[in-house]
């Protein structure tokens, strides 16, 4: 998966977020630290979203679940 990461220099270091993934944001003292933190934030956000979706569909009947790809 590829996302667009945005980094901004602030007095404390850097902040970073992913344009396409609300909730995936972080901060760090260096740009390298912020990049690493953002990768972890992406993984955690996707895992949390998947867990919430699985809870929602667990009670539903006749659910079709399949991979989907999009190219932008």
PDB file of N, CA and C in Angstrom:
ATOM      1  N   UNK A   1       0.843  -1.179   0.000  1.00  0.00           N
ATOM      2  CA  UNK A   1       0.000   0.000   0.000  1.00  0.00           C
ATOM      3  C   UNK A   1       0.884   1.237   0.000  1.00  0.00           C
ATOM      4  N   UNK A   2       0.463   2.226  -0.707  1.00  0.00           N
ATOM      5  CA  UNK A   2       1.183   3.487  -0.722  1.00  0.00           C
ATOM      6  C   UNK A   2       0.233   4.601  -0.301  1.00  0.00           C
ATOM      7  N   UNK A   3       0.748   5.486   0.525  1.00  0.00           N
ATOM      8  CA  UNK A   3      -0.013   6.623   1.010  1.00  0.00           C
ATOM      9  C   UNK A   3       0.809   7.893   0.813  1.00  0.00           C
ATOM     10  N   UNK A   4       0.169   9.023   0.923  1.00  0.00           N
ATOM     11  CA  UNK A   4       0.862  10.301   0.881  1.00  0.00           C
ATOM     12  C   UNK A   4       1.094  10.795   2.298  1.00  0.00           C
ATOM     13  N   UNK A   5       2.344  10.821   2.706  1.00  0.00           N
ATOM     14  CA  UNK A   5       2.714  11.317   4.024  1.00  0.00           C
ATOM     15  C   UNK A   5       3.018  12.803   3.915  1.00  0.00           C
ATOM     16  N   UNK A   6       2.579  13.562   4.905  1.00  0.00           N
ATOM     17  CA  UNK A   6       2.833  14.997   4.966  1.00  0.00           C
ATOM     18  C   UNK A   6       3.594  15.267   6.257  1.00  0.00           C
ATOM     19  N   UNK A   7       4.695  15.991   6.149  1.00  0.00           N
ATOM     20  CA  UNK A   7       5.512  16.330   7.312  1.00  0.00           C
ATOM     21  C   UNK A   7       5.632  17.842   7.415  1.00  0.00           C
ATOM     22  N   UNK A   8       5.568  18.335   8.640  1.00  0.00           N
ATOM     23  CA  UNK A   8       5.692  19.770   8.881  1.00  0.00           C
ATOM     24  C   UNK A   8       6.681  19.995  10.006  1.00  0.00           C
ATOM     25  N   UNK A   9       7.612  20.904   9.777  1.00  0.00           N
ATOM     26  CA  UNK A   9       8.593  21.271  10.798  1.00  0.00           C
ATOM     27  C   UNK A   9       7.903  22.179  11.808  1.00  0.00           C
ATOM     28  N   UNK A  10       8.064  21.846  13.086  1.00  0.00           N
ATOM     29  CA  UNK A  10       7.539  22.655  14.193  1.00  0.00           C
ATOM     30  C   UNK A  10       8.684  22.873  15.183  1.00  0.00           C
ATOM     31  N   UNK A  11       8.537  23.809  16.112  1.00  0.00           N
ATOM     32  CA  UNK A  11       9.628  24.070  17.051  1.00  0.00           C
ATOM     33  C   UNK A  11      10.116  22.826  17.810  1.00  0.00           C
ATOM     34  N   UNK A  12       9.224  21.884  18.094  1.00  0.00           N
ATOM     35  CA  UNK A  12       9.580  20.682  18.852  1.00  0.00           C
ATOM     36  C   UNK A  12      10.195  19.586  17.996  1.00  0.00           C
ATOM     37  N   UNK A  13      10.153  19.747  16.664  1.00  0.00           N
ATOM     38  CA  UNK A  13      10.648  18.716  15.756  1.00  0.00           C
ATOM     39  C   UNK A  13       9.805  18.674  14.497  1.00  0.00           C
ATOM     40  N   UNK A  14       9.065  17.568  14.311  1.00  0.00           N
ATOM     41  CA  UNK A  14       8.213  17.399  13.136  1.00  0.00           C
ATOM     42  C   UNK A  14       6.894  16.760  13.537  1.00  0.00           C
ATOM     43  N   UNK A  15       5.859  17.100  12.792  1.00  0.00           N
ATOM     44  CA  UNK A  15       4.596  16.368  12.876  1.00  0.00           C
ATOM     45  C   UNK A  15       4.381  15.719  11.513  1.00  0.00           C
ATOM     46  N   UNK A  16       3.654  14.622  11.500  1.00  0.00           N
ATOM     47  CA  UNK A  16       3.384  13.930  10.254  1.00  0.00           C
ATOM     48  C   UNK A  16       2.001  13.319  10.265  1.00  0.00           C
ATOM     49  N   UNK A  17       1.391  13.261   9.089  1.00  0.00           N
ATOM     50  CA  UNK A  17       0.091  12.609   8.956  1.00  0.00           C
ATOM     51  C   UNK A  17      -0.054  12.047   7.556  1.00  0.00           C
ATOM     52  N   UNK A  18      -1.058  11.210   7.388  1.00  0.00           N
ATOM     53  CA  UNK A  18      -1.339  10.593   6.094  1.00  0.00           C
ATOM     54  C   UNK A  18      -2.621  11.200   5.549  1.00  0.00           C
ATOM     55  N   UNK A  19      -2.535  11.759   4.344  1.00  0.00           N
ATOM     56  CA  UNK A  19      -3.689  12.422   3.731  1.00  0.00           C
ATOM     57  C   UNK A  19      -4.900  11.503   3.622  1.00  0.00           C
ATOM     58  N   UNK A  20      -4.679  10.258   3.234  1.00  0.00           N
ATOM     59  CA  UNK A  20      -5.791   9.346   2.940  1.00  0.00           C
ATOM     60  C   UNK A  20      -6.283   8.560   4.146  1.00  0.00           C
ATOM     61  N   UNK A  21      -5.673   8.722   5.285  1.00  0.00           N
ATOM     62  CA  UNK A  21      -5.998   7.860   6.418  1.00  0.00           C
ATOM     63  C   UNK A  21      -6.192   8.686   7.691  1.00  0.00           C
ATOM     64  N   UNK A  22      -7.383   9.226   7.898  1.00  0.00           N
ATOM     65  CA  UNK A  22      -7.628  10.005   9.111  1.00  0.00           C
ATOM     66  C   UNK A  22      -7.262   9.198  10.358  1.00  0.00           C
ATOM     67  N   UNK A  23      -6.618   9.846  11.287  1.00  0.00           N
ATOM     68  CA  UNK A  23      -6.212   9.177  12.516  1.00  0.00           C
ATOM     69  C   UNK A  23      -4.770   8.711  12.503  1.00  0.00           C
ATOM     70  N   UNK A  24      -4.167   8.615  11.322  1.00  0.00           N
ATOM     71  CA  UNK A  24      -2.761   8.215  11.226  1.00  0.00           C
ATOM     72  C   UNK A  24      -1.918   9.480  11.260  1.00  0.00           C
ATOM     73  N   UNK A  25      -1.521   9.871  12.460  1.00  0.00           N
ATOM     74  CA  UNK A  25      -0.689  11.056  12.629  1.00  0.00           C
ATOM     75  C   UNK A  25       0.268  10.833  13.785  1.00  0.00           C
ATOM     76  N   UNK A  26       1.338  11.608  13.813  1.00  0.00           N
ATOM     77  CA  UNK A  26       2.380  11.387  14.807  1.00  0.00           C
ATOM     78  C   UNK A  26       3.266  12.609  14.910  1.00  0.00           C
ATOM     79  N   UNK A  27       4.289  12.484  15.725  1.00  0.00           N
ATOM     80  CA  UNK A  27       5.298  13.527  15.851  1.00  0.00           C
ATOM     81  C   UNK A  27       6.627  12.889  16.207  1.00  0.00           C
ATOM     82  N   UNK A  28       7.697  13.648  16.073  1.00  0.00           N
ATOM     83  CA  UNK A  28       9.022  13.157  16.428  1.00  0.00           C
ATOM     84  C   UNK A  28      10.019  14.302  16.485  1.00  0.00           C
ATOM     85  N   UNK A  29      11.147  14.048  17.099  1.00  0.00           N
ATOM     86  CA  UNK A  29      12.178  15.084  17.209  1.00  0.00           C
ATOM     87  C   UNK A  29      12.905  15.296  15.891  1.00  0.00           C
ATOM     88  N   UNK A  30      13.055  14.215  15.105  1.00  0.00           N
ATOM     89  CA  UNK A  30      13.721  14.309  13.802  1.00  0.00           C
ATOM     90  C   UNK A  30      12.762  13.826  12.723  1.00  0.00           C
ATOM     91  N   UNK A  31      13.098  14.154  11.485  1.00  0.00           N
ATOM     92  CA  UNK A  31      12.276  13.690  10.369  1.00  0.00           C
ATOM     93  C   UNK A  31      12.306  12.173  10.282  1.00  0.00           C
ATOM     94  N   UNK A  32      13.473  11.572  10.499  1.00  0.00           N
ATOM     95  CA  UNK A  32      13.583  10.110  10.447  1.00  0.00           C
ATOM     96  C   UNK A  32      12.718   9.454  11.531  1.00  0.00           C
ATOM     97  N   UNK A  33      12.754   9.999  12.734  1.00  0.00           N
ATOM     98  CA  UNK A  33      11.935   9.459  13.824  1.00  0.00           C
ATOM     99  C   UNK A  33      10.455   9.602  13.495  1.00  0.00           C
ATOM    100  N   UNK A  34      10.083  10.735  12.929  1.00  0.00           N
ATOM    101  CA  UNK A  34       8.681  10.972  12.580  1.00  0.00           C
ATOM    102  C   UNK A  34       8.228  10.007  11.494  1.00  0.00           C
ATOM    103  N   UNK A  35       9.081   9.750  10.517  1.00  0.00           N
ATOM    104  CA  UNK A  35       8.742   8.766   9.471  1.00  0.00           C
ATOM    105  C   UNK A  35       8.503   7.385  10.072  1.00  0.00           C
ATOM    106  N   UNK A  36       9.385   6.966  10.956  1.00  0.00           N
ATOM    107  CA  UNK A  36       9.235   5.652  11.593  1.00  0.00           C
ATOM    108  C   UNK A  36       7.964   5.610  12.425  1.00  0.00           C
ATOM    109  N   UNK A  37       7.709   6.674  13.170  1.00  0.00           N
ATOM    110  CA  UNK A  37       6.494   6.741  13.986  1.00  0.00           C
ATOM    111  C   UNK A  37       5.244   6.707  13.115  1.00  0.00           C
ATOM    112  N   UNK A  38       5.310   7.358  11.944  1.00  0.00           N
ATOM    113  CA  UNK A  38       4.143   7.384  11.058  1.00  0.00           C
ATOM    114  C   UNK A  38       3.866   6.005  10.475  1.00  0.00           C
ATOM    115  N   UNK A  39       4.914   5.264  10.154  1.00  0.00           N
ATOM    116  CA  UNK A  39       4.689   3.888   9.675  1.00  0.00           C
ATOM    117  C   UNK A  39       3.944   3.073  10.735  1.00  0.00           C
ATOM    118  N   UNK A  40       4.359   3.213  11.985  1.00  0.00           N
ATOM    119  CA  UNK A  40       3.678   2.506  13.072  1.00  0.00           C
ATOM    120  C   UNK A  40       2.242   3.000  13.231  1.00  0.00           C
ATOM    121  N   UNK A  41       2.035   4.307  13.125  1.00  0.00           N
ATOM    122  CA  UNK A  41       0.680   4.864  13.242  1.00  0.00           C
ATOM    123  C   UNK A  41      -0.231   4.326  12.148  1.00  0.00           C
ATOM    124  N   UNK A  42       0.304   4.174  10.930  1.00  0.00           N
ATOM    125  CA  UNK A  42      -0.483   3.611   9.832  1.00  0.00           C
ATOM    126  C   UNK A  42      -0.886   2.178  10.156  1.00  0.00           C
ATOM    127  N   UNK A  43       0.070   1.380  10.589  1.00  0.00           N
ATOM    128  CA  UNK A  43      -0.220  -0.018  10.929  1.00  0.00           C
ATOM    129  C   UNK A  43      -1.274  -0.107  12.031  1.00  0.00           C
ATOM    130  N   UNK A  44      -1.135   0.705  13.073  1.00  0.00           N
ATOM    131  CA  UNK A  44      -2.081   0.667  14.189  1.00  0.00           C
ATOM    132  C   UNK A  44      -3.467   1.146  13.772  1.00  0.00           C
ATOM    133  N   UNK A  45      -3.519   2.184  12.939  1.00  0.00           N
ATOM    134  CA  UNK A  45      -4.808   2.704  12.476  1.00  0.00           C
ATOM    135  C   UNK A  45      -5.523   1.681  11.612  1.00  0.00           C
ATOM    136  N   UNK A  46      -4.795   1.049  10.693  1.00  0.00           N
ATOM    137  CA  UNK A  46      -5.419   0.027   9.844  1.00  0.00           C
ATOM    138  C   UNK A  46      -5.891  -1.164  10.672  1.00  0.00           C
ATOM    139  N   UNK A  47      -5.101  -1.591  11.649  1.00  0.00           N
ATOM    140  CA  UNK A  47      -5.499  -2.718  12.504  1.00  0.00           C
ATOM    141  C   UNK A  47      -6.739  -2.364  13.319  1.00  0.00           C
ATOM    142  N   UNK A  48      -6.787  -1.158  13.854  1.00  0.00           N
ATOM    143  CA  UNK A  48      -7.943  -0.736  14.649  1.00  0.00           C
ATOM    144  C   UNK A  48      -9.192  -0.643  13.774  1.00  0.00           C
ATOM    145  N   UNK A  49      -9.047  -0.085  12.572  1.00  0.00           N
ATOM    146  CA  UNK A  49     -10.194   0.008  11.662  1.00  0.00           C
ATOM    147  C   UNK A  49     -10.703  -1.368  11.270  1.00  0.00           C
ATOM    148  N   UNK A  50      -9.780  -2.287  11.030  1.00  0.00           N
ATOM    149  CA  UNK A  50     -10.187  -3.647  10.668  1.00  0.00           C
ATOM    150  C   UNK A  50     -10.917  -4.320  11.832  1.00  0.00           C
ATOM    151  N   UNK A  51     -10.408  -4.169  13.047  1.00  0.00           N
ATOM    152  CA  UNK A  51     -11.042  -4.771  14.219  1.00  0.00           C
ATOM    153  C   UNK A  51     -12.450  -4.216  14.426  1.00  0.00           C
ATOM    154  N   UNK A  52     -12.609  -2.916  14.267  1.00  0.00           N
ATOM    155  CA  UNK A  52     -13.939  -2.306  14.412  1.00  0.00           C
ATOM    156  C   UNK A  52     -14.894  -2.810  13.332  1.00  0.00           C
ATOM    157  N   UNK A  53     -14.410  -2.934  12.101  1.00  0.00           N
ATOM    158  CA  UNK A  53     -15.251  -3.438  11.016  1.00  0.00           C
ATOM    159  C   UNK A  53     -15.646  -4.886  11.261  1.00  0.00           C
ATOM    160  N   UNK A  54     -14.701  -5.695  11.745  1.00  0.00           N
ATOM    161  CA  UNK A  54     -15.011  -7.096  12.030  1.00  0.00           C
ATOM    162  C   UNK A  54     -16.060  -7.221  13.119  1.00  0.00           C
ATOM    163  N   UNK A  55     -16.008  -6.362  14.126  1.00  0.00           N
ATOM    164  CA  UNK A  55     -17.036  -6.365  15.170  1.00  0.00           C
ATOM    165  C   UNK A  55     -18.398  -6.030  14.568  1.00  0.00           C
ATOM    166  N   UNK A  56     -18.421  -5.034  13.685  1.00  0.00           N
ATOM    167  CA  UNK A  56     -19.683  -4.609  13.077  1.00  0.00           C
ATOM    168  C   UNK A  56     -20.293  -5.696  12.197  1.00  0.00           C
ATOM    169  N   UNK A  57     -19.472  -6.416  11.437  1.00  0.00           N
ATOM    170  CA  UNK A  57     -20.034  -7.410  10.515  1.00  0.00           C
ATOM    171  C   UNK A  57     -20.228  -8.774  11.166  1.00  0.00           C
ATOM    172  N   UNK A  58     -19.703  -8.973  12.363  1.00  0.00           N
ATOM    173  CA  UNK A  58     -19.809 -10.282  13.018  1.00  0.00           C
ATOM    174  C   UNK A  58     -21.260 -10.700  13.235  1.00  0.00           C
ATOM    175  N   UNK A  59     -22.122  -9.736  13.460  1.00  0.00           N
ATOM    176  CA  UNK A  59     -23.522 -10.040  13.754  1.00  0.00           C
ATOM    177  C   UNK A  59     -24.390 -10.085  12.497  1.00  0.00           C
ATOM    178  N   UNK A  60     -23.831  -9.719  11.359  1.00  0.00           N
ATOM    179  CA  UNK A  60     -24.613  -9.664  10.127  1.00  0.00           C
ATOM    180  C   UNK A  60     -24.645 -11.012   9.436  1.00  0.00           C
ATOM    181  N   UNK A  61     -25.721 -11.254   8.719  1.00  0.00           N
ATOM    182  CA  UNK A  61     -25.887 -12.465   7.921  1.00  0.00           C
ATOM    183  C   UNK A  61     -25.593 -12.148   6.461  1.00  0.00           C
ATOM    184  N   UNK A  62     -25.184 -13.147   5.713  1.00  0.00           N
ATOM    185  CA  UNK A  62     -24.983 -13.022   4.262  1.00  0.00           C
ATOM    186  C   UNK A  62     -24.043 -11.879   3.892  1.00  0.00           C
ATOM    187  N   UNK A  63     -22.914 -11.815   4.551  1.00  0.00           N
ATOM    188  CA  UNK A  63     -21.926 -10.782   4.262  1.00  0.00           C
ATOM    189  C   UNK A  63     -20.901 -11.335   3.271  1.00  0.00           C
ATOM    190  N   UNK A  64     -20.587 -10.556   2.268  1.00  0.00           N
ATOM    191  CA  UNK A  64     -19.548 -10.916   1.313  1.00  0.00           C
ATOM    192  C   UNK A  64     -18.335 -10.048   1.623  1.00  0.00           C
ATOM    193  N   UNK A  65     -17.221 -10.693   1.857  1.00  0.00           N
ATOM    194  CA  UNK A  65     -15.975  -9.976   2.174  1.00  0.00           C
ATOM    195  C   UNK A  65     -14.931 -10.411   1.163  1.00  0.00           C
ATOM    196  N   UNK A  66     -14.345  -9.433   0.448  1.00  0.00           N
ATOM    197  CA  UNK A  66     -13.367  -9.746  -0.575  1.00  0.00           C
ATOM    198  C   UNK A  66     -12.380  -8.598  -0.725  1.00  0.00           C
ATOM    199  N   UNK A  67     -11.161  -8.894  -1.202  1.00  0.00           N
ATOM    200  CA  UNK A  67     -10.186  -7.828  -1.451  1.00  0.00           C
ATOM    201  C   UNK A  67     -10.631  -6.949  -2.610  1.00  0.00           C
ATOM    202  N   UNK A  68     -10.216  -5.714  -2.575  1.00  0.00           N
ATOM    203  CA  UNK A  68     -10.486  -4.782  -3.658  1.00  0.00           C
ATOM    204  C   UNK A  68      -9.270  -3.893  -3.833  1.00  0.00           C
ATOM    205  N   UNK A  69      -8.949  -3.599  -5.071  1.00  0.00           N
ATOM    206  CA  UNK A  69      -7.810  -2.727  -5.376  1.00  0.00           C
ATOM    207  C   UNK A  69      -8.284  -1.523  -6.170  1.00  0.00           C
ATOM    208  N   UNK A  70      -7.662  -0.405  -5.933  1.00  0.00           N
ATOM    209  CA  UNK A  70      -7.926   0.790  -6.710  1.00  0.00           C
ATOM    210  C   UNK A  70      -6.594   1.398  -7.134  1.00  0.00           C
ATOM    211  N   UNK A  71      -6.582   2.021  -8.269  1.00  0.00           N
ATOM    212  CA  UNK A  71      -5.380   2.677  -8.767  1.00  0.00           C
ATOM    213  C   UNK A  71      -5.714   4.145  -8.976  1.00  0.00           C
ATOM    214  N   UNK A  72      -4.952   4.979  -8.324  1.00  0.00           N
ATOM    215  CA  UNK A  72      -5.211   6.417  -8.437  1.00  0.00           C
ATOM    216  C   UNK A  72      -4.177   7.094  -9.297  1.00  0.00           C
TER     217      UNK A  72
END
